[in-house]
Amino acid sequence: MPESNFISLSEAQALTFAYQAESGFTSQPRALRFSKQDIQTLLGQEDAVALCLYLGLTSTGKLTLVAVTVDEDNQDMVDSYILDRCYSCPPDCSQDSPLIDQ
């Protein structure tokens, strides 16, 4: 695997299983996801060079993500699209994901 920010499945499992095992997080989602179309809309903006994911809490206390693009000066592009309303797992989970500690 080329040197980058990508990790192996076993490294991903260690991270996700550690989160899922923490007692303070048992009522929180195991995963959050956005649609490909929404991510492409964000990253397709002129001057966008990266994606920043902020952790947030909904009005019911559930973990959520707020996604914004970042420009080449490392500044959040908050005057354009800001993404939330991600899909939460549970209930919207992959049935056999190796990243969910059964």
N, C-alpha and C. Protein backbone atom coordinates (compact mmCIF):
# COMPACT_ATOMS: atom_id res chain seq x y z
N MET A 1 0.85 -1.17 0.00
CA MET A 1 0.00 0.00 0.00
C MET A 1 0.90 1.24 0.00
N PRO A 2 0.66 2.22 -0.88
CA PRO A 2 1.51 3.42 -0.92
C PRO A 2 1.40 4.20 0.39
N GLU A 3 2.50 4.90 0.72
CA GLU A 3 2.48 5.71 1.94
C GLU A 3 1.47 6.84 1.78
N SER A 4 0.50 6.89 2.68
CA SER A 4 -0.58 7.88 2.59
C SER A 4 -1.37 7.84 3.88
N ASN A 5 -2.56 8.41 3.84
CA ASN A 5 -3.44 8.39 5.00
C ASN A 5 -4.31 7.14 5.03
N PHE A 6 -4.18 6.28 4.05
CA PHE A 6 -4.96 5.05 4.03
C PHE A 6 -4.40 4.05 5.01
N ILE A 7 -5.29 3.26 5.63
CA ILE A 7 -4.88 2.27 6.61
C ILE A 7 -5.42 0.90 6.22
N SER A 8 -4.91 -0.12 6.86
CA SER A 8 -5.37 -1.48 6.58
C SER A 8 -6.69 -1.75 7.29
N LEU A 9 -7.35 -2.82 6.89
CA LEU A 9 -8.59 -3.23 7.55
C LEU A 9 -8.35 -3.51 9.03
N SER A 10 -7.25 -4.17 9.36
CA SER A 10 -7.00 -4.49 10.77
C SER A 10 -6.79 -3.21 11.59
N GLU A 11 -6.14 -2.21 11.03
CA GLU A 11 -5.98 -0.93 11.74
C GLU A 11 -7.34 -0.25 11.90
N ALA A 12 -8.17 -0.30 10.86
CA ALA A 12 -9.51 0.29 10.93
C ALA A 12 -10.35 -0.42 11.99
N GLN A 13 -10.24 -1.73 12.06
CA GLN A 13 -10.98 -2.50 13.06
C GLN A 13 -10.54 -2.12 14.47
N ALA A 14 -9.26 -1.96 14.69
CA ALA A 14 -8.77 -1.58 16.02
C ALA A 14 -9.37 -0.25 16.44
N LEU A 15 -9.45 0.69 15.53
CA LEU A 15 -10.01 2.01 15.84
C LEU A 15 -11.52 1.94 16.09
N THR A 16 -12.25 1.28 15.20
CA THR A 16 -13.71 1.25 15.33
C THR A 16 -14.15 0.38 16.51
N PHE A 17 -13.47 -0.73 16.74
CA PHE A 17 -13.83 -1.59 17.87
C PHE A 17 -13.56 -0.88 19.19
N ALA A 18 -12.48 -0.12 19.28
CA ALA A 18 -12.17 0.62 20.50
C ALA A 18 -13.27 1.63 20.80
N TYR A 19 -13.73 2.34 19.78
CA TYR A 19 -14.83 3.30 19.96
C TYR A 19 -16.10 2.58 20.40
N GLN A 20 -16.44 1.49 19.73
CA GLN A 20 -17.68 0.78 20.02
C GLN A 20 -17.69 0.15 21.41
N ALA A 21 -16.51 -0.13 21.96
CA ALA A 21 -16.41 -0.77 23.26
C ALA A 21 -16.50 0.23 24.43
N GLU A 22 -16.31 1.50 24.15
CA GLU A 22 -16.34 2.51 25.22
C GLU A 22 -17.75 2.66 25.76
N SER A 23 -17.91 2.53 27.05
CA SER A 23 -19.25 2.57 27.65
C SER A 23 -19.95 3.91 27.43
N GLY A 24 -19.21 4.99 27.36
CA GLY A 24 -19.82 6.30 27.15
C GLY A 24 -20.39 6.49 25.76
N PHE A 25 -20.05 5.60 24.84
CA PHE A 25 -20.49 5.74 23.46
C PHE A 25 -21.50 4.69 23.02
N THR A 26 -21.94 3.82 23.93
CA THR A 26 -22.82 2.72 23.53
C THR A 26 -24.17 3.20 23.01
N SER A 27 -24.60 4.39 23.39
CA SER A 27 -25.88 4.90 22.88
C SER A 27 -25.69 5.76 21.63
N GLN A 28 -24.45 5.90 21.18
CA GLN A 28 -24.16 6.72 20.01
C GLN A 28 -24.10 5.85 18.75
N PRO A 29 -24.20 6.48 17.58
CA PRO A 29 -24.08 5.71 16.33
C PRO A 29 -22.72 5.03 16.23
N ARG A 30 -22.70 3.91 15.56
CA ARG A 30 -21.44 3.21 15.28
C ARG A 30 -20.78 3.78 14.03
N ALA A 31 -21.60 4.34 13.15
CA ALA A 31 -21.08 4.90 11.90
C ALA A 31 -22.03 5.98 11.41
N LEU A 32 -21.47 6.88 10.61
CA LEU A 32 -22.24 7.94 9.96
C LEU A 32 -21.76 8.00 8.52
N ARG A 33 -22.68 8.18 7.59
CA ARG A 33 -22.25 8.24 6.19
C ARG A 33 -23.06 9.26 5.42
N PHE A 34 -22.41 9.78 4.39
CA PHE A 34 -23.04 10.70 3.45
C PHE A 34 -23.14 10.02 2.10
N SER A 35 -24.02 10.50 1.26
CA SER A 35 -24.14 9.94 -0.09
C SER A 35 -22.96 10.38 -0.96
N LYS A 36 -22.66 9.58 -1.94
CA LYS A 36 -21.60 9.90 -2.90
C LYS A 36 -21.91 11.22 -3.58
N GLN A 37 -23.16 11.43 -3.94
CA GLN A 37 -23.56 12.66 -4.63
C GLN A 37 -23.28 13.88 -3.77
N ASP A 38 -23.59 13.81 -2.48
CA ASP A 38 -23.34 14.94 -1.59
C ASP A 38 -21.84 15.22 -1.45
N ILE A 39 -21.04 14.17 -1.30
CA ILE A 39 -19.58 14.34 -1.19
C ILE A 39 -19.01 14.93 -2.48
N GLN A 40 -19.49 14.43 -3.63
CA GLN A 40 -19.02 14.95 -4.90
C GLN A 40 -19.40 16.42 -5.08
N THR A 41 -20.60 16.80 -4.62
CA THR A 41 -21.02 18.20 -4.70
C THR A 41 -20.08 19.07 -3.87
N LEU A 42 -19.77 18.63 -2.66
CA LEU A 42 -18.84 19.39 -1.83
C LEU A 42 -17.47 19.51 -2.48
N LEU A 43 -16.88 18.39 -2.85
CA LEU A 43 -15.52 18.40 -3.38
C LEU A 43 -15.43 18.97 -4.79
N GLY A 44 -16.56 19.05 -5.49
CA GLY A 44 -16.57 19.61 -6.84
C GLY A 44 -16.57 21.12 -6.88
N GLN A 45 -16.66 21.76 -5.72
CA GLN A 45 -16.65 23.22 -5.67
C GLN A 45 -15.30 23.77 -6.09
N GLU A 46 -15.34 24.87 -6.81
CA GLU A 46 -14.11 25.54 -7.20
C GLU A 46 -13.33 25.91 -5.94
N ASP A 47 -12.05 25.72 -5.95
CA ASP A 47 -11.12 26.02 -4.86
C ASP A 47 -11.12 24.99 -3.73
N ALA A 48 -11.95 23.97 -3.79
CA ALA A 48 -11.95 22.94 -2.74
C ALA A 48 -10.78 22.00 -2.95
N VAL A 49 -9.98 21.82 -1.89
CA VAL A 49 -8.83 20.90 -1.97
C VAL A 49 -8.88 19.80 -0.91
N ALA A 50 -9.81 19.92 0.04
CA ALA A 50 -9.91 18.92 1.11
C ALA A 50 -11.30 18.98 1.72
N LEU A 51 -11.56 18.01 2.55
CA LEU A 51 -12.84 17.91 3.25
C LEU A 51 -12.55 17.90 4.75
N CYS A 52 -13.27 18.71 5.52
CA CYS A 52 -13.12 18.74 6.97
C CYS A 52 -14.42 18.24 7.59
N LEU A 53 -14.31 17.29 8.51
CA LEU A 53 -15.47 16.73 9.20
C LEU A 53 -15.45 17.16 10.65
N TYR A 54 -16.45 17.93 11.03
CA TYR A 54 -16.59 18.36 12.41
C TYR A 54 -17.56 17.44 13.13
N LEU A 55 -17.25 17.09 14.37
CA LEU A 55 -18.15 16.31 15.20
C LEU A 55 -19.18 17.26 15.81
N GLY A 56 -20.42 16.80 15.86
CA GLY A 56 -21.48 17.59 16.45
C GLY A 56 -22.48 16.71 17.17
N LEU A 57 -23.39 17.33 17.88
CA LEU A 57 -24.47 16.62 18.56
C LEU A 57 -25.80 17.16 18.07
N THR A 58 -26.72 16.25 17.78
CA THR A 58 -28.07 16.65 17.38
C THR A 58 -28.84 17.14 18.60
N SER A 59 -30.05 17.64 18.36
CA SER A 59 -30.88 18.12 19.48
C SER A 59 -31.27 16.99 20.43
N THR A 60 -31.15 15.74 19.96
CA THR A 60 -31.45 14.59 20.83
C THR A 60 -30.19 13.99 21.45
N GLY A 61 -29.04 14.65 21.26
CA GLY A 61 -27.80 14.20 21.86
C GLY A 61 -27.05 13.13 21.10
N LYS A 62 -27.43 12.89 19.85
CA LYS A 62 -26.75 11.88 19.04
C LYS A 62 -25.60 12.52 18.26
N LEU A 63 -24.53 11.76 18.12
CA LEU A 63 -23.36 12.19 17.36
C LEU A 63 -23.74 12.41 15.90
N THR A 64 -23.23 13.47 15.30
CA THR A 64 -23.41 13.72 13.88
C THR A 64 -22.13 14.31 13.32
N LEU A 65 -22.07 14.43 12.02
CA LEU A 65 -20.94 15.05 11.35
C LEU A 65 -21.41 16.27 10.58
N VAL A 66 -20.60 17.30 10.57
CA VAL A 66 -20.81 18.48 9.75
C VAL A 66 -19.61 18.56 8.82
N ALA A 67 -19.85 18.51 7.52
CA ALA A 67 -18.77 18.46 6.54
C ALA A 67 -18.70 19.77 5.77
N VAL A 68 -17.49 20.30 5.66
CA VAL A 68 -17.23 21.49 4.84
C VAL A 68 -15.98 21.25 4.02
N THR A 69 -15.88 21.92 2.91
CA THR A 69 -14.66 21.84 2.13
C THR A 69 -13.66 22.87 2.65
N VAL A 70 -12.40 22.65 2.29
CA VAL A 70 -11.30 23.50 2.71
C VAL A 70 -10.56 23.96 1.45
N ASP A 71 -10.14 25.22 1.46
CA ASP A 71 -9.41 25.73 0.29
C ASP A 71 -7.90 25.55 0.47
N GLU A 72 -7.13 25.99 -0.51
CA GLU A 72 -5.67 25.77 -0.47
C GLU A 72 -4.98 26.55 0.64
N ASP A 73 -5.65 27.54 1.22
CA ASP A 73 -5.10 28.27 2.36
C ASP A 73 -5.51 27.64 3.69
N ASN A 74 -6.07 26.44 3.62
CA ASN A 74 -6.52 25.69 4.79
C ASN A 74 -7.66 26.39 5.53
N GLN A 75 -8.49 27.10 4.79
CA GLN A 75 -9.63 27.81 5.36
C GLN A 75 -10.92 27.07 5.01
N ASP A 76 -11.79 26.90 6.00
CA ASP A 76 -13.09 26.28 5.75
C ASP A 76 -13.89 27.16 4.79
N MET A 77 -14.51 26.53 3.81
CA MET A 77 -15.33 27.23 2.83
C MET A 77 -16.78 27.24 3.32
N VAL A 78 -17.04 28.05 4.33
CA VAL A 78 -18.36 28.06 4.98
C VAL A 78 -19.37 28.97 4.28
N ASP A 79 -18.94 29.67 3.24
CA ASP A 79 -19.87 30.51 2.48
C ASP A 79 -20.51 29.75 1.34
N SER A 80 -20.25 28.45 1.29
CA SER A 80 -20.85 27.61 0.25
C SER A 80 -21.61 26.48 0.92
N TYR A 81 -21.48 25.28 0.41
CA TYR A 81 -22.22 24.15 0.96
C TYR A 81 -21.64 23.69 2.29
N ILE A 82 -22.53 23.41 3.23
CA ILE A 82 -22.19 22.76 4.50
C ILE A 82 -23.11 21.55 4.61
N LEU A 83 -22.53 20.40 4.87
CA LEU A 83 -23.29 19.15 4.81
C LEU A 83 -23.51 18.55 6.20
N ASP A 84 -24.74 18.12 6.44
CA ASP A 84 -25.11 17.37 7.64
C ASP A 84 -26.18 16.39 7.18
N ARG A 85 -27.04 15.97 8.04
CA ARG A 85 -28.10 15.02 7.72
C ARG A 85 -27.51 13.71 7.18
N CYS A 86 -26.48 13.23 7.87
CA CYS A 86 -25.86 11.99 7.45
C CYS A 86 -26.72 10.81 7.88
N TYR A 87 -26.48 9.68 7.25
CA TYR A 87 -27.17 8.45 7.61
C TYR A 87 -26.49 7.87 8.85
N SER A 88 -27.28 7.43 9.80
CA SER A 88 -26.75 6.93 11.06
C SER A 88 -26.90 5.42 11.15
N CYS A 89 -25.87 4.78 11.68
CA CYS A 89 -25.88 3.33 11.93
C CYS A 89 -25.69 3.10 13.42
N PRO A 90 -26.64 2.48 14.10
CA PRO A 90 -27.93 2.06 13.58
C PRO A 90 -28.86 3.26 13.38
N PRO A 91 -29.89 3.11 12.62
CA PRO A 91 -30.47 1.88 12.07
C PRO A 91 -29.98 1.55 10.66
N ASP A 92 -29.35 2.50 9.98
CA ASP A 92 -29.01 2.31 8.57
C ASP A 92 -27.59 1.74 8.46
N CYS A 93 -27.43 0.44 8.75
CA CYS A 93 -26.12 -0.21 8.83
C CYS A 93 -25.90 -1.24 7.72
N SER A 94 -24.64 -1.41 7.40
CA SER A 94 -24.23 -2.54 6.59
C SER A 94 -24.43 -3.79 7.45
N GLN A 95 -25.08 -4.79 6.91
CA GLN A 95 -25.42 -5.97 7.71
C GLN A 95 -24.22 -6.83 8.11
N ASP A 96 -23.15 -6.77 7.33
CA ASP A 96 -22.01 -7.64 7.63
C ASP A 96 -20.68 -6.91 7.58
N SER A 97 -20.66 -5.65 7.98
CA SER A 97 -19.43 -4.88 7.93
C SER A 97 -18.39 -5.43 8.90
N PRO A 98 -17.16 -5.63 8.43
CA PRO A 98 -16.10 -6.07 9.33
C PRO A 98 -15.66 -4.96 10.29
N LEU A 99 -16.22 -3.77 10.15
CA LEU A 99 -15.86 -2.66 11.03
C LEU A 99 -16.81 -2.52 12.21
N ILE A 100 -17.84 -3.36 12.26
CA ILE A 100 -18.77 -3.37 13.38
C ILE A 100 -18.48 -4.60 14.22
N ASP A 101 -18.13 -4.36 15.48
CA ASP A 101 -17.80 -5.45 16.39
C ASP A 101 -19.09 -6.14 16.81
N GLN A 102 -19.31 -7.32 16.29
CA GLN A 102 -20.53 -8.07 16.57
C GLN A 102 -20.42 -8.62 17.93
